[in-house]
Amino acid sequence: MTEQTTGSRPTLEAVAARAGVSRATASRVVNGGAGVRAPLVDKVRKAVEELGYVPNHAARTLVTRRNGAVAVIIAEPEFRIFSDPFFEQQVRGISRELTAHDSQLVLLWVEGPGDHDRIARYLGGGHVDGALAFSLHNDDQLPALISRTKIPTVFGGRPAAGSDLAVPYVDADNRGGAREAVRHLVSLGRRNIAHIAGPRDQTSALDRVDGYHDVLVDADPGLFCQGDFTEESGARAMAELLDRRPDVDGVFVSNDLMASGALRTLRERGVRVPEDVALVGFDDMASVVGTTVPAMTTVRQDVEGMGRLMVRLLMRLLNEAGGDAPASVITPTTLVRRASA
């Protein structure tokens, strides 16, 4: 039998001829179908490798009913996605795990509510097998829109309290990590410990506020200041705290970017860290903590690992369609002590 090619590109017929099987059998193997005996699978795979055959995507979709693509939806505007290393790490973990599952990443971000219908139409159009969505906000309609498309979905971060969406999620132990950070500041003998919080409409920030209050039950409201997870908001909040409470001697900041901004303000005001004010951040973003002076004590969460876990949960949803949804996962956090506290 003559092996067929299209130009220099080997065909499925060529693979079948090399392996000594029918075209239908070769198709089932290379496109991920089931029902082929192991010895024949090995022969076809060997022929694919020898010939350098690349499966046809359309044919594969017909056999597997999969597109080989997953939508990654970040509910933040573009400038946040490309300026915050948290998103870089999480997308890296997602991308690497999707690659291991021979699936492609389709990145979608949300500039505002006007994008919701566009994303819902895309998800409902059968372009992707599933969706991963993170950085969701408590009043965001996006989760409900995604749910109505019936597409398998995993969230990054715990949904808002009262949400009735039965969607598995991956999150860090934000409350426990915050408790550990504040306990560390207390152990250093700090008496007036402030908190620079993240956005009020995100559960990760709210959980860290709760962790702060778990340790400092009667904390002075004057020691609390609001930020939005950006470096500039941390700088502004620290300035406000110093103006309001010049006796502050410790501060737990809800993420590393804001903590970097807070350190900048302390340096500009001539406040010594940690001698005058001890500071602890949250995330352990290498690109941030590796540049601060002094080196930042922070709470580490495995952001890249959380991205990988999101993909694994999604693959279980896809492979066990009709079964029980996999359980959500809360990953541990660890205090990393450096020079700032």
Protein backbone atom coordinates (compact mmCIF):
# COMPACT_ATOMS: atom_id res chain seq x y z
CA MET A 1 0.00 0.00 0.00
CA THR A 2 1.34 3.40 -0.93
CA GLU A 3 1.62 6.01 1.84
CA GLN A 4 -0.25 9.16 0.88
CA THR A 5 0.80 12.71 1.60
CA THR A 6 -0.54 16.16 0.87
CA GLY A 7 2.57 17.92 -0.40
CA SER A 8 5.10 17.10 2.31
CA ARG A 9 2.41 16.64 4.97
CA PRO A 10 1.59 13.02 5.89
CA THR A 11 -2.09 12.02 5.84
CA LEU A 12 -4.11 9.81 8.13
CA GLU A 13 -4.10 7.17 5.38
CA ALA A 14 -0.30 7.19 5.54
CA VAL A 15 -0.42 6.63 9.30
CA ALA A 16 -2.89 3.75 8.88
CA ALA A 17 -0.70 2.15 6.19
CA ARG A 18 2.46 2.45 8.29
CA ALA A 19 0.69 0.96 11.34
CA GLY A 20 -1.08 -1.77 9.34
CA VAL A 21 -4.55 -0.79 10.57
CA SER A 22 -7.71 0.60 9.01
CA ARG A 23 -8.15 4.34 8.55
CA ALA A 24 -11.03 4.26 11.07
CA THR A 25 -8.81 2.68 13.71
CA ALA A 26 -6.03 5.19 13.08
CA SER A 27 -8.56 8.02 13.35
CA ARG A 28 -9.86 6.82 16.71
CA VAL A 29 -6.35 6.65 18.13
CA VAL A 30 -4.97 9.97 16.91
CA ASN A 31 -8.18 11.85 17.75
CA GLY A 32 -8.53 10.52 21.26
CA GLY A 33 -11.36 8.04 20.70
CA ALA A 34 -11.82 4.89 22.75
CA GLY A 35 -12.29 1.21 21.94
CA VAL A 36 -8.93 0.39 20.35
CA ARG A 37 -6.77 -2.45 21.72
CA ALA A 38 -3.50 -1.38 23.35
CA PRO A 39 -1.16 -3.11 20.80
CA LEU A 40 -2.86 -1.28 17.93
CA VAL A 41 -2.72 2.01 19.84
CA ASP A 42 1.03 1.56 20.21
CA LYS A 43 1.45 0.84 16.49
CA VAL A 44 -0.52 3.92 15.47
CA ARG A 45 1.33 6.18 17.89
CA LYS A 46 4.64 4.88 16.61
CA ALA A 47 3.55 5.59 13.01
CA VAL A 48 2.43 9.10 13.99
CA GLU A 49 5.85 9.79 15.53
CA GLU A 50 7.79 8.34 12.59
CA LEU A 51 5.80 10.27 9.98
CA GLY A 52 5.39 13.48 11.95
CA TYR A 53 1.63 13.39 11.46
CA VAL A 54 -0.41 16.30 12.93
CA PRO A 55 -4.08 15.45 13.65
CA ASN A 56 -6.77 17.50 11.93
CA HIS A 57 -8.53 19.63 14.52
CA ALA A 58 -11.96 19.42 12.89
CA ALA A 59 -11.79 15.63 12.71
CA ARG A 60 -10.65 15.43 16.29
CA THR A 61 -13.58 17.57 17.42
CA LEU A 62 -16.02 15.23 15.68
CA VAL A 63 -14.55 12.20 17.43
CA THR A 64 -14.02 13.61 20.93
CA ARG A 65 -16.76 16.29 20.96
CA ARG A 66 -14.05 18.55 22.35
CA ASN A 67 -12.58 21.76 20.97
CA GLY A 68 -9.30 21.41 22.81
CA ALA A 69 -9.63 24.96 24.15
CA VAL A 70 -10.54 26.52 27.51
CA ALA A 71 -11.62 30.11 28.16
CA VAL A 72 -9.77 31.91 30.94
CA ILE A 73 -11.87 34.86 32.09
CA ILE A 74 -10.31 37.55 34.27
CA ALA A 75 -12.86 39.96 35.67
CA GLU A 76 -10.50 42.94 35.60
CA PRO A 77 -9.62 45.64 33.06
CA GLU A 78 -6.61 45.18 30.82
CA PHE A 79 -4.30 47.54 32.75
CA ARG A 80 -4.75 45.48 35.94
CA ILE A 81 -4.07 42.18 34.19
CA PHE A 82 -0.74 43.34 32.77
CA SER A 83 0.42 45.30 35.83
CA ASP A 84 -0.32 42.85 38.63
CA PRO A 85 2.05 39.86 38.84
CA PHE A 86 -0.69 37.81 40.55
CA PHE A 87 -2.46 37.39 37.22
CA GLU A 88 0.78 36.53 35.44
CA GLN A 89 1.49 33.71 37.88
CA GLN A 90 -2.02 32.31 37.83
CA VAL A 91 -2.23 32.36 34.03
CA ARG A 92 1.20 30.71 33.86
CA GLY A 93 0.00 27.84 36.03
CA ILE A 94 -3.19 27.49 33.99
CA SER A 95 -1.30 27.56 30.69
CA ARG A 96 1.23 24.94 31.76
CA GLU A 97 -1.46 22.58 33.01
CA LEU A 98 -3.59 23.06 29.90
CA THR A 99 -0.55 22.25 27.77
CA ALA A 100 -0.12 19.01 29.72
CA HIS A 101 -3.73 18.19 28.79
CA ASP A 102 -3.17 19.11 25.12
CA SER A 103 -5.58 22.03 25.37
CA GLN A 104 -5.30 25.69 24.38
CA LEU A 105 -5.90 28.80 26.46
CA VAL A 106 -8.28 31.51 25.22
CA LEU A 107 -7.81 34.64 27.36
CA LEU A 108 -10.82 36.93 27.91
CA TRP A 109 -10.90 39.95 30.18
CA VAL A 110 -13.70 42.19 31.36
CA GLU A 111 -13.31 45.94 31.00
CA GLY A 112 -16.85 46.52 32.25
CA PRO A 113 -20.44 45.23 32.29
CA GLY A 114 -20.69 45.88 28.55
CA ASP A 115 -18.39 42.90 27.99
CA HIS A 116 -20.66 40.42 29.76
CA ASP A 117 -22.99 39.70 26.85
CA ARG A 118 -20.06 39.32 24.46
CA ILE A 119 -18.40 36.76 26.72
CA ALA A 120 -21.65 34.89 27.33
CA ARG A 121 -22.27 34.66 23.58
CA TYR A 122 -18.76 33.37 23.00
CA LEU A 123 -19.05 30.73 25.72
CA GLY A 124 -22.46 29.66 24.47
CA GLY A 125 -21.22 29.39 20.89
CA GLY A 126 -19.41 26.10 21.41
CA HIS A 127 -15.93 27.52 20.88
CA VAL A 128 -14.42 26.15 24.10
CA ASP A 129 -14.85 23.05 26.27
CA GLY A 130 -14.97 24.87 29.58
CA ALA A 131 -14.14 28.06 31.44
CA LEU A 132 -11.92 29.22 34.29
CA ALA A 133 -12.92 32.53 35.86
CA PHE A 134 -11.14 34.49 38.58
CA SER A 135 -10.82 37.87 40.27
CA LEU A 136 -14.61 37.92 40.47
CA HIS A 137 -16.38 40.73 42.33
CA ASN A 138 -19.31 40.25 44.69
CA ASP A 139 -21.79 42.22 42.58
CA ASP A 140 -20.53 40.80 39.29
CA GLN A 141 -23.20 39.33 37.01
CA LEU A 142 -20.60 37.33 35.11
CA PRO A 143 -20.85 34.13 37.20
CA ALA A 144 -24.62 33.94 36.63
CA LEU A 145 -24.16 34.56 32.90
CA ILE A 146 -21.54 31.81 32.70
CA SER A 147 -23.84 29.46 34.61
CA ARG A 148 -26.66 30.03 32.13
CA THR A 149 -24.43 28.87 29.26
CA LYS A 150 -24.20 25.45 31.02
CA ILE A 151 -20.50 25.29 30.19
CA PRO A 152 -18.33 23.44 32.75
CA THR A 153 -16.64 26.08 34.90
CA VAL A 154 -14.22 26.40 37.81
CA PHE A 155 -13.79 29.64 39.75
CA GLY A 156 -10.55 31.03 41.11
CA GLY A 157 -11.50 32.34 44.55
CA ARG A 158 -14.42 31.65 46.84
CA PRO A 159 -17.74 32.95 45.51
CA ALA A 160 -19.53 35.67 47.45
CA ALA A 161 -21.51 34.64 50.53
CA GLY A 162 -25.04 33.69 49.58
CA SER A 163 -24.13 32.64 46.04
CA ASP A 164 -26.26 29.68 44.94
CA LEU A 165 -24.00 28.69 42.04
CA ALA A 166 -22.84 25.09 42.44
CA VAL A 167 -19.44 25.71 40.89
CA PRO A 168 -16.19 24.27 42.29
CA TYR A 169 -13.47 26.76 43.14
CA VAL A 170 -9.83 26.96 44.17
CA ASP A 171 -8.78 29.49 46.78
CA ALA A 172 -6.03 30.13 49.31
CA ASP A 173 -6.54 30.17 53.07
CA ASN A 174 -6.79 33.94 53.08
CA ARG A 175 -8.22 34.23 56.57
CA GLY A 176 -5.69 31.85 58.11
CA GLY A 177 -2.80 33.58 56.36
CA ALA A 178 -3.97 36.97 57.65
CA ARG A 179 -4.19 35.62 61.19
CA GLU A 180 -0.63 34.33 60.95
CA ALA A 181 0.61 37.70 59.67
CA VAL A 182 -1.03 39.67 62.48
CA ARG A 183 0.05 37.19 65.15
CA HIS A 184 3.60 37.64 63.95
CA LEU A 185 3.35 41.42 64.36
CA VAL A 186 1.90 40.93 67.87
CA SER A 187 4.77 38.57 68.72
CA LEU A 188 7.20 41.38 67.84
CA GLY A 189 5.61 43.52 70.54
CA ARG A 190 3.74 45.84 68.17
CA ARG A 191 0.79 47.54 69.86
CA ASN A 192 -0.83 49.70 67.19
CA ILE A 193 -1.18 47.37 64.22
CA ALA A 194 -2.94 48.79 61.18
CA HIS A 195 -4.49 47.01 58.22
CA ILE A 196 -4.50 48.21 54.61
CA ALA A 197 -7.34 46.21 53.08
CA GLY A 198 -8.11 45.20 49.52
CA PRO A 199 -11.35 45.88 47.61
CA ARG A 200 -14.55 45.48 49.63
CA ASP A 201 -16.20 43.53 46.82
CA GLN A 202 -13.72 40.63 46.66
CA THR A 203 -13.89 37.69 49.02
CA SER A 204 -10.11 37.31 49.29
CA ALA A 205 -9.79 40.83 50.68
CA LEU A 206 -12.77 40.39 53.01
CA ASP A 207 -11.34 37.11 54.34
CA ARG A 208 -8.05 38.87 55.13
CA VAL A 209 -9.93 41.59 56.99
CA ASP A 210 -11.66 38.86 59.01
CA GLY A 211 -8.30 37.26 59.78
CA TYR A 212 -6.99 40.61 61.04
CA HIS A 213 -9.99 40.97 63.35
CA ASP A 214 -9.71 37.36 64.53
CA VAL A 215 -6.48 38.39 66.26
CA LEU A 216 -7.25 42.04 67.02
CA VAL A 217 -10.89 41.73 68.05
CA ASP A 218 -11.09 45.28 69.41
CA ALA A 219 -8.86 46.97 66.83
CA ASP A 220 -9.24 50.75 66.64
CA PRO A 221 -11.18 51.64 63.46
CA GLY A 222 -8.64 54.43 62.94
CA LEU A 223 -6.05 51.74 62.20
CA PHE A 224 -8.01 50.46 59.20
CA CYS A 225 -7.56 51.88 55.71
CA GLN A 226 -8.93 50.84 52.32
CA GLY A 227 -6.93 50.11 49.16
CA ASP A 228 -7.66 48.44 45.83
CA PHE A 229 -4.74 46.00 45.42
CA THR A 230 -2.65 48.52 43.41
CA GLU A 231 0.72 49.92 44.50
CA GLU A 232 -0.51 53.52 44.43
CA SER A 233 -3.47 52.74 46.67
CA GLY A 234 -1.07 51.22 49.21
CA ALA A 235 1.07 54.35 49.16
CA ARG A 236 -1.97 56.59 49.67
CA ALA A 237 -3.38 54.42 52.44
CA MET A 238 -0.08 54.40 54.33
CA ALA A 239 0.12 58.19 54.11
CA GLU A 240 -3.42 58.45 55.45
CA LEU A 241 -2.61 56.11 58.33
CA LEU A 242 0.53 58.05 59.30
CA ASP A 243 -1.40 61.33 59.25
CA ARG A 244 -4.24 59.87 61.30
CA ARG A 245 -2.25 57.64 63.66
CA PRO A 246 1.41 58.63 63.87
CA ASP A 247 1.80 56.05 66.65
CA VAL A 248 1.24 53.11 64.27
CA ASP A 249 4.07 50.59 64.77
CA GLY A 250 2.92 47.67 62.63
CA VAL A 251 0.91 47.18 59.46
CA PHE A 252 -0.54 44.14 57.73
CA VAL A 253 -1.14 44.90 54.04
CA SER A 254 -3.58 42.80 52.01
CA ASN A 255 -1.24 42.20 49.06
CA ASP A 256 2.40 42.72 48.08
CA LEU A 257 1.76 45.48 45.54
CA MET A 258 0.03 47.65 48.13
CA ALA A 259 2.73 46.74 50.66
CA SER A 260 5.38 47.94 48.19
CA GLY A 261 3.55 51.26 47.93
CA ALA A 262 3.29 51.46 51.71
CA LEU A 263 7.05 50.91 52.05
CA ARG A 264 7.66 53.72 49.61
CA THR A 265 5.57 56.12 51.69
CA LEU A 266 7.30 55.06 54.90
CA ARG A 267 10.70 55.66 53.29
CA GLU A 268 9.62 59.09 52.01
CA ARG A 269 8.38 60.04 55.47
CA GLY A 270 11.65 58.98 57.08
CA VAL A 271 10.00 56.12 59.01
CA ARG A 272 12.38 53.21 59.63
CA VAL A 273 11.25 49.67 58.75
CA PRO A 274 11.13 47.54 60.83
CA GLU A 275 12.50 49.64 63.71
CA ASP A 276 9.60 52.13 63.77
CA VAL A 277 6.98 50.25 61.76
CA ALA A 278 7.03 46.52 61.04
CA LEU A 279 5.27 45.53 57.80
CA VAL A 280 3.85 42.26 56.44
CA GLY A 281 2.38 41.77 52.94
CA PHE A 282 0.43 38.96 51.31
CA ASP A 283 1.11 36.85 48.16
CA ASP A 284 4.93 36.50 48.03
CA MET A 285 5.20 37.75 44.46
CA ALA A 286 8.88 37.33 43.57
CA SER A 287 8.83 40.27 41.16
CA VAL A 288 7.65 42.52 44.01
CA VAL A 289 9.30 41.24 47.18
CA GLY A 290 12.61 40.83 45.36
CA THR A 291 12.84 44.60 44.81
CA THR A 292 11.68 46.09 48.13
CA VAL A 293 14.00 47.69 50.67
CA PRO A 294 14.01 46.18 53.20
CA ALA A 295 13.11 42.73 51.93
CA MET A 296 9.42 42.13 52.58
CA THR A 297 7.99 39.71 55.10
CA THR A 298 4.84 38.33 53.53
CA VAL A 299 2.32 35.51 53.43
CA ARG A 300 3.01 33.09 50.60
CA GLN A 301 0.23 31.56 48.55
CA ASP A 302 1.00 29.17 45.68
CA VAL A 303 -0.64 31.20 42.92
CA GLU A 304 0.77 29.16 40.04
CA GLY A 305 -0.20 25.95 41.79
CA MET A 306 -3.73 27.27 42.25
CA GLY A 307 -3.94 27.85 38.50
CA ARG A 308 -2.89 24.25 37.87
CA LEU A 309 -5.49 23.00 40.35
CA MET A 310 -8.23 24.95 38.58
CA VAL A 311 -7.41 23.15 35.33
CA ARG A 312 -7.37 19.74 37.04
CA LEU A 313 -10.80 20.34 38.54
CA LEU A 314 -12.11 21.44 35.15
CA MET A 315 -10.73 18.34 33.46
CA ARG A 316 -12.52 16.21 36.04
CA LEU A 317 -15.74 18.04 35.22
CA LEU A 318 -15.21 17.40 31.52
CA ASN A 319 -14.21 13.76 31.90
CA GLU A 320 -16.92 12.88 34.43
CA ALA A 321 -19.83 14.71 32.81
CA GLY A 322 -23.06 13.95 34.62
CA GLY A 323 -21.30 12.91 37.81
CA ASP A 324 -20.88 14.81 41.04
CA ALA A 325 -18.91 18.05 40.79
CA PRO A 326 -15.43 17.82 42.30
CA ALA A 327 -14.95 19.35 45.73
CA SER A 328 -13.54 22.85 45.97
CA VAL A 329 -9.96 23.21 47.20
CA ILE A 330 -8.50 25.59 49.79
CA THR A 331 -4.71 25.71 49.57
CA PRO A 332 -2.50 26.50 52.59
CA THR A 333 -0.54 29.70 53.13
CA THR A 334 2.82 30.23 54.84
CA LEU A 335 4.42 33.24 56.53
CA VAL A 336 7.79 34.03 54.95
CA ARG A 337 9.90 36.09 57.33
CA ARG A 338 12.30 38.63 55.88
CA ALA A 339 13.65 41.98 57.03
CA SER A 340 10.51 44.16 57.11
CA ALA A 341 9.05 42.41 60.17
